[in-house]
Amino acid sequence: IIQIIPDSIHNLDPNFEMEGELSIYDAIGNEIVGGKEMAKYNNTLIFIWNGRNANNRKGGRGTYLAVASITAYPLGKGDGKPEGKLVKKRLLAIKD
């Protein structure tokens, strides 16, 4: 499970609504999962990865890099979304 929690430490204001996409890469940079939408849950974004690639093949053990592209909007302005800002966040996902 990959979860993005807004806080001031990571420059994600908790008063912002977020949308995000996630891609996962293996240790040599091959894309395993590309541009999948993250789910919204209680003002956080989550992505549950089952360890499989786009062809439903199970990945090997090791370390994977998850890159989330997050767009944050001030709460209440999510409909028009003119004031959104893009934040790129890199997370490390370890598959055992």
N, C-alpha and C. Protein backbone atom coordinates (compact mmCIF):
# COMPACT_ATOMS: atom_id res chain seq x y z
N ILE A 1 0.85 -1.18 0.00
CA ILE A 1 0.00 0.00 0.00
C ILE A 1 0.89 1.23 0.00
N ILE A 2 0.62 2.13 -0.92
CA ILE A 2 1.32 3.41 -0.98
C ILE A 2 0.30 4.47 -0.61
N GLN A 3 0.64 5.30 0.38
CA GLN A 3 -0.30 6.32 0.84
C GLN A 3 0.39 7.67 0.87
N ILE A 4 -0.28 8.69 0.35
CA ILE A 4 0.23 10.05 0.38
C ILE A 4 -0.66 10.85 1.32
N ILE A 5 -0.04 11.35 2.38
CA ILE A 5 -0.75 12.10 3.41
C ILE A 5 -0.30 13.55 3.33
N PRO A 6 -1.23 14.49 3.13
CA PRO A 6 -0.81 15.89 3.04
C PRO A 6 -0.35 16.42 4.39
N ASP A 7 0.79 17.09 4.39
CA ASP A 7 1.29 17.79 5.57
C ASP A 7 2.26 18.86 5.12
N SER A 8 2.52 19.80 5.98
CA SER A 8 3.38 20.93 5.61
C SER A 8 4.83 20.51 5.41
N ILE A 9 5.25 19.41 6.02
CA ILE A 9 6.64 18.95 5.87
C ILE A 9 6.92 18.59 4.41
N HIS A 10 5.95 17.99 3.74
CA HIS A 10 6.13 17.57 2.35
C HIS A 10 5.53 18.57 1.36
N ASN A 11 5.29 19.80 1.82
CA ASN A 11 4.73 20.86 0.97
C ASN A 11 3.38 20.48 0.36
N LEU A 12 2.60 19.70 1.08
CA LEU A 12 1.24 19.38 0.66
C LEU A 12 0.31 19.84 1.77
N ASP A 13 -0.36 20.93 1.53
CA ASP A 13 -1.24 21.54 2.52
C ASP A 13 -2.45 20.64 2.76
N PRO A 14 -2.76 20.31 4.04
CA PRO A 14 -3.93 19.49 4.32
C PRO A 14 -5.25 20.14 3.92
N ASN A 15 -5.23 21.44 3.64
CA ASN A 15 -6.44 22.14 3.20
C ASN A 15 -6.61 22.09 1.69
N PHE A 16 -5.85 21.24 1.02
CA PHE A 16 -5.94 21.09 -0.42
C PHE A 16 -6.54 19.73 -0.75
N GLU A 17 -7.32 19.71 -1.82
CA GLU A 17 -7.83 18.46 -2.35
C GLU A 17 -6.78 17.93 -3.32
N MET A 18 -6.56 16.63 -3.35
CA MET A 18 -5.51 16.07 -4.20
C MET A 18 -6.07 15.05 -5.19
N GLU A 19 -5.40 14.97 -6.32
CA GLU A 19 -5.60 13.91 -7.30
C GLU A 19 -4.21 13.39 -7.63
N GLY A 20 -4.10 12.13 -7.96
CA GLY A 20 -2.78 11.63 -8.27
C GLY A 20 -2.78 10.41 -9.17
N GLU A 21 -1.65 10.26 -9.85
CA GLU A 21 -1.38 9.08 -10.66
C GLU A 21 -0.07 8.50 -10.19
N LEU A 22 0.08 7.18 -10.32
CA LEU A 22 1.27 6.52 -9.84
C LEU A 22 1.83 5.60 -10.90
N SER A 23 3.14 5.60 -11.02
CA SER A 23 3.86 4.66 -11.88
C SER A 23 4.88 3.94 -11.01
N ILE A 24 5.13 2.68 -11.32
CA ILE A 24 6.11 1.88 -10.57
C ILE A 24 7.15 1.36 -11.55
N TYR A 25 8.43 1.48 -11.14
CA TYR A 25 9.56 1.06 -11.96
C TYR A 25 10.40 0.04 -11.21
N ASP A 26 11.03 -0.87 -11.96
CA ASP A 26 11.94 -1.82 -11.31
C ASP A 26 13.31 -1.17 -11.12
N ALA A 27 14.24 -1.93 -10.58
CA ALA A 27 15.55 -1.39 -10.22
C ALA A 27 16.35 -0.86 -11.40
N ILE A 28 16.06 -1.34 -12.62
CA ILE A 28 16.81 -0.84 -13.78
C ILE A 28 16.02 0.17 -14.61
N GLY A 29 14.85 0.56 -14.10
CA GLY A 29 14.10 1.63 -14.74
C GLY A 29 12.99 1.20 -15.67
N ASN A 30 12.70 -0.09 -15.77
CA ASN A 30 11.59 -0.55 -16.59
C ASN A 30 10.27 -0.22 -15.90
N GLU A 31 9.33 0.32 -16.67
CA GLU A 31 8.02 0.63 -16.10
C GLU A 31 7.24 -0.65 -15.87
N ILE A 32 6.81 -0.87 -14.64
CA ILE A 32 6.04 -2.06 -14.28
C ILE A 32 4.55 -1.74 -14.30
N VAL A 33 4.19 -0.61 -13.72
CA VAL A 33 2.81 -0.10 -13.69
C VAL A 33 2.89 1.34 -14.13
N GLY A 34 2.08 1.73 -15.09
CA GLY A 34 2.19 3.09 -15.61
C GLY A 34 0.93 3.92 -15.49
N GLY A 35 1.06 5.10 -14.89
CA GLY A 35 0.00 6.10 -14.87
C GLY A 35 -1.34 5.66 -14.34
N LYS A 36 -1.34 4.90 -13.26
CA LYS A 36 -2.61 4.44 -12.67
C LYS A 36 -3.13 5.48 -11.68
N GLU A 37 -4.43 5.70 -11.72
CA GLU A 37 -5.05 6.70 -10.84
C GLU A 37 -5.00 6.21 -9.39
N MET A 38 -4.67 7.13 -8.49
CA MET A 38 -4.67 6.82 -7.07
C MET A 38 -6.07 7.09 -6.52
N ALA A 39 -6.50 6.30 -5.55
CA ALA A 39 -7.82 6.47 -4.93
C ALA A 39 -7.75 7.53 -3.84
N LYS A 40 -8.84 8.27 -3.69
CA LYS A 40 -8.94 9.27 -2.62
C LYS A 40 -9.58 8.61 -1.41
N TYR A 41 -9.02 8.88 -0.22
CA TYR A 41 -9.57 8.34 1.01
C TYR A 41 -9.24 9.28 2.15
N ASN A 42 -10.25 9.90 2.75
CA ASN A 42 -10.06 10.81 3.89
C ASN A 42 -8.95 11.84 3.64
N ASN A 43 -9.01 12.54 2.54
CA ASN A 43 -8.03 13.56 2.16
C ASN A 43 -6.61 13.01 2.04
N THR A 44 -6.49 11.73 1.71
CA THR A 44 -5.20 11.15 1.36
C THR A 44 -5.36 10.45 0.02
N LEU A 45 -4.25 10.08 -0.58
CA LEU A 45 -4.28 9.29 -1.80
C LEU A 45 -3.66 7.93 -1.49
N ILE A 46 -4.30 6.87 -2.00
CA ILE A 46 -3.73 5.54 -1.78
C ILE A 46 -3.68 4.77 -3.08
N PHE A 47 -2.75 3.85 -3.13
CA PHE A 47 -2.61 2.93 -4.26
C PHE A 47 -2.21 1.59 -3.69
N ILE A 48 -2.96 0.57 -4.02
CA ILE A 48 -2.64 -0.77 -3.57
C ILE A 48 -2.11 -1.54 -4.77
N TRP A 49 -0.86 -1.98 -4.64
CA TRP A 49 -0.21 -2.72 -5.72
C TRP A 49 -0.16 -4.18 -5.34
N ASN A 50 -0.61 -5.03 -6.25
CA ASN A 50 -0.64 -6.47 -5.99
C ASN A 50 0.65 -7.17 -6.40
N GLY A 51 1.66 -6.40 -6.80
CA GLY A 51 2.95 -6.99 -7.17
C GLY A 51 2.99 -7.51 -8.60
N ARG A 52 1.97 -7.17 -9.37
CA ARG A 52 1.91 -7.65 -10.76
C ARG A 52 2.10 -6.49 -11.74
N ASN A 53 2.58 -6.83 -12.94
CA ASN A 53 2.79 -5.81 -13.97
C ASN A 53 1.52 -5.65 -14.82
N ALA A 54 1.62 -4.86 -15.88
CA ALA A 54 0.47 -4.59 -16.75
C ALA A 54 -0.04 -5.85 -17.44
N ASN A 55 0.82 -6.87 -17.58
CA ASN A 55 0.41 -8.13 -18.20
C ASN A 55 -0.03 -9.16 -17.17
N ASN A 56 -0.24 -8.71 -15.93
CA ASN A 56 -0.68 -9.55 -14.81
C ASN A 56 0.36 -10.60 -14.41
N ARG A 57 1.62 -10.36 -14.75
CA ARG A 57 2.69 -11.26 -14.33
C ARG A 57 3.25 -10.78 -13.01
N LYS A 58 3.50 -11.71 -12.11
CA LYS A 58 4.02 -11.38 -10.78
C LYS A 58 5.48 -10.93 -10.90
N GLY A 59 5.79 -9.82 -10.23
CA GLY A 59 7.15 -9.30 -10.24
C GLY A 59 8.05 -10.07 -9.29
N GLY A 60 9.33 -9.92 -9.47
CA GLY A 60 10.29 -10.58 -8.61
C GLY A 60 10.49 -9.83 -7.32
N ARG A 61 11.20 -10.46 -6.40
CA ARG A 61 11.54 -9.80 -5.14
C ARG A 61 12.52 -8.69 -5.40
N GLY A 62 12.46 -7.66 -4.59
CA GLY A 62 13.40 -6.57 -4.74
C GLY A 62 12.78 -5.22 -4.42
N THR A 63 13.49 -4.20 -4.80
CA THR A 63 13.08 -2.83 -4.52
C THR A 63 12.55 -2.19 -5.79
N TYR A 64 11.46 -1.47 -5.66
CA TYR A 64 10.82 -0.79 -6.77
C TYR A 64 10.67 0.69 -6.44
N LEU A 65 10.74 1.53 -7.46
CA LEU A 65 10.55 2.96 -7.28
C LEU A 65 9.14 3.33 -7.73
N ALA A 66 8.39 3.96 -6.84
CA ALA A 66 7.05 4.43 -7.17
C ALA A 66 7.11 5.95 -7.32
N VAL A 67 6.62 6.46 -8.45
CA VAL A 67 6.62 7.90 -8.70
C VAL A 67 5.17 8.36 -8.80
N ALA A 68 4.79 9.25 -7.90
CA ALA A 68 3.43 9.77 -7.90
C ALA A 68 3.44 11.20 -8.42
N SER A 69 2.55 11.48 -9.36
CA SER A 69 2.32 12.84 -9.83
C SER A 69 1.05 13.32 -9.18
N ILE A 70 1.17 14.35 -8.35
CA ILE A 70 0.05 14.81 -7.54
C ILE A 70 -0.33 16.22 -7.95
N THR A 71 -1.62 16.45 -8.14
CA THR A 71 -2.13 17.78 -8.38
C THR A 71 -2.97 18.15 -7.17
N ALA A 72 -2.67 19.29 -6.56
CA ALA A 72 -3.38 19.73 -5.36
C ALA A 72 -4.15 21.00 -5.67
N TYR A 73 -5.40 21.06 -5.18
CA TYR A 73 -6.28 22.20 -5.40
C TYR A 73 -6.78 22.69 -4.05
N PRO A 74 -6.94 24.01 -3.88
CA PRO A 74 -7.56 24.51 -2.64
C PRO A 74 -8.95 23.89 -2.48
N LEU A 75 -9.29 23.47 -1.28
CA LEU A 75 -10.60 22.87 -1.03
C LEU A 75 -11.71 23.80 -1.49
N GLY A 76 -12.72 23.20 -2.13
CA GLY A 76 -13.84 23.98 -2.62
C GLY A 76 -13.64 24.54 -4.01
N LYS A 77 -12.45 24.38 -4.58
CA LYS A 77 -12.20 24.90 -5.92
C LYS A 77 -11.85 23.77 -6.88
N GLY A 78 -12.19 22.54 -6.51
CA GLY A 78 -11.84 21.39 -7.31
C GLY A 78 -12.60 21.26 -8.62
N ASP A 79 -13.74 21.98 -8.75
CA ASP A 79 -14.53 21.82 -9.97
C ASP A 79 -13.85 22.46 -11.18
N GLY A 80 -13.44 23.71 -11.06
CA GLY A 80 -12.79 24.37 -12.19
C GLY A 80 -11.31 24.07 -12.26
N LYS A 81 -10.69 23.85 -11.13
CA LYS A 81 -9.29 23.48 -11.00
C LYS A 81 -8.30 24.42 -11.65
N PRO A 82 -8.57 25.74 -11.66
CA PRO A 82 -7.60 26.62 -12.31
C PRO A 82 -6.38 26.91 -11.45
N GLU A 83 -6.50 26.70 -10.14
CA GLU A 83 -5.42 27.08 -9.24
C GLU A 83 -4.59 25.88 -8.78
N GLY A 84 -4.65 24.79 -9.51
CA GLY A 84 -3.93 23.59 -9.10
C GLY A 84 -2.43 23.75 -9.25
N LYS A 85 -1.71 23.05 -8.42
CA LYS A 85 -0.27 23.03 -8.56
C LYS A 85 0.18 21.59 -8.61
N LEU A 86 1.15 21.30 -9.41
CA LEU A 86 1.63 19.94 -9.59
C LEU A 86 2.82 19.71 -8.66
N VAL A 87 2.77 18.62 -7.95
CA VAL A 87 3.85 18.25 -7.05
C VAL A 87 4.30 16.85 -7.44
N LYS A 88 5.58 16.66 -7.68
CA LYS A 88 6.07 15.31 -7.97
C LYS A 88 6.69 14.76 -6.71
N LYS A 89 6.30 13.57 -6.36
CA LYS A 89 6.76 12.93 -5.13
C LYS A 89 7.32 11.57 -5.48
N ARG A 90 8.49 11.25 -5.00
CA ARG A 90 9.06 9.93 -5.25
C ARG A 90 9.04 9.13 -3.94
N LEU A 91 8.52 7.94 -4.04
CA LEU A 91 8.40 7.05 -2.89
C LEU A 91 9.10 5.74 -3.20
N LEU A 92 9.60 5.09 -2.21
CA LEU A 92 10.24 3.79 -2.39
C LEU A 92 9.30 2.72 -1.92
N ALA A 93 8.97 1.79 -2.79
CA ALA A 93 8.11 0.67 -2.41
C ALA A 93 8.95 -0.60 -2.41
N ILE A 94 8.89 -1.36 -1.36
CA ILE A 94 9.67 -2.60 -1.27
C ILE A 94 8.72 -3.78 -1.32
N LYS A 95 8.98 -4.67 -2.26
CA LYS A 95 8.17 -5.85 -2.42
C LYS A 95 8.95 -7.03 -1.85
N ASP A 96 8.31 -7.80 -0.96
CA ASP A 96 9.03 -8.93 -0.39
C ASP A 96 8.61 -10.25 -0.98
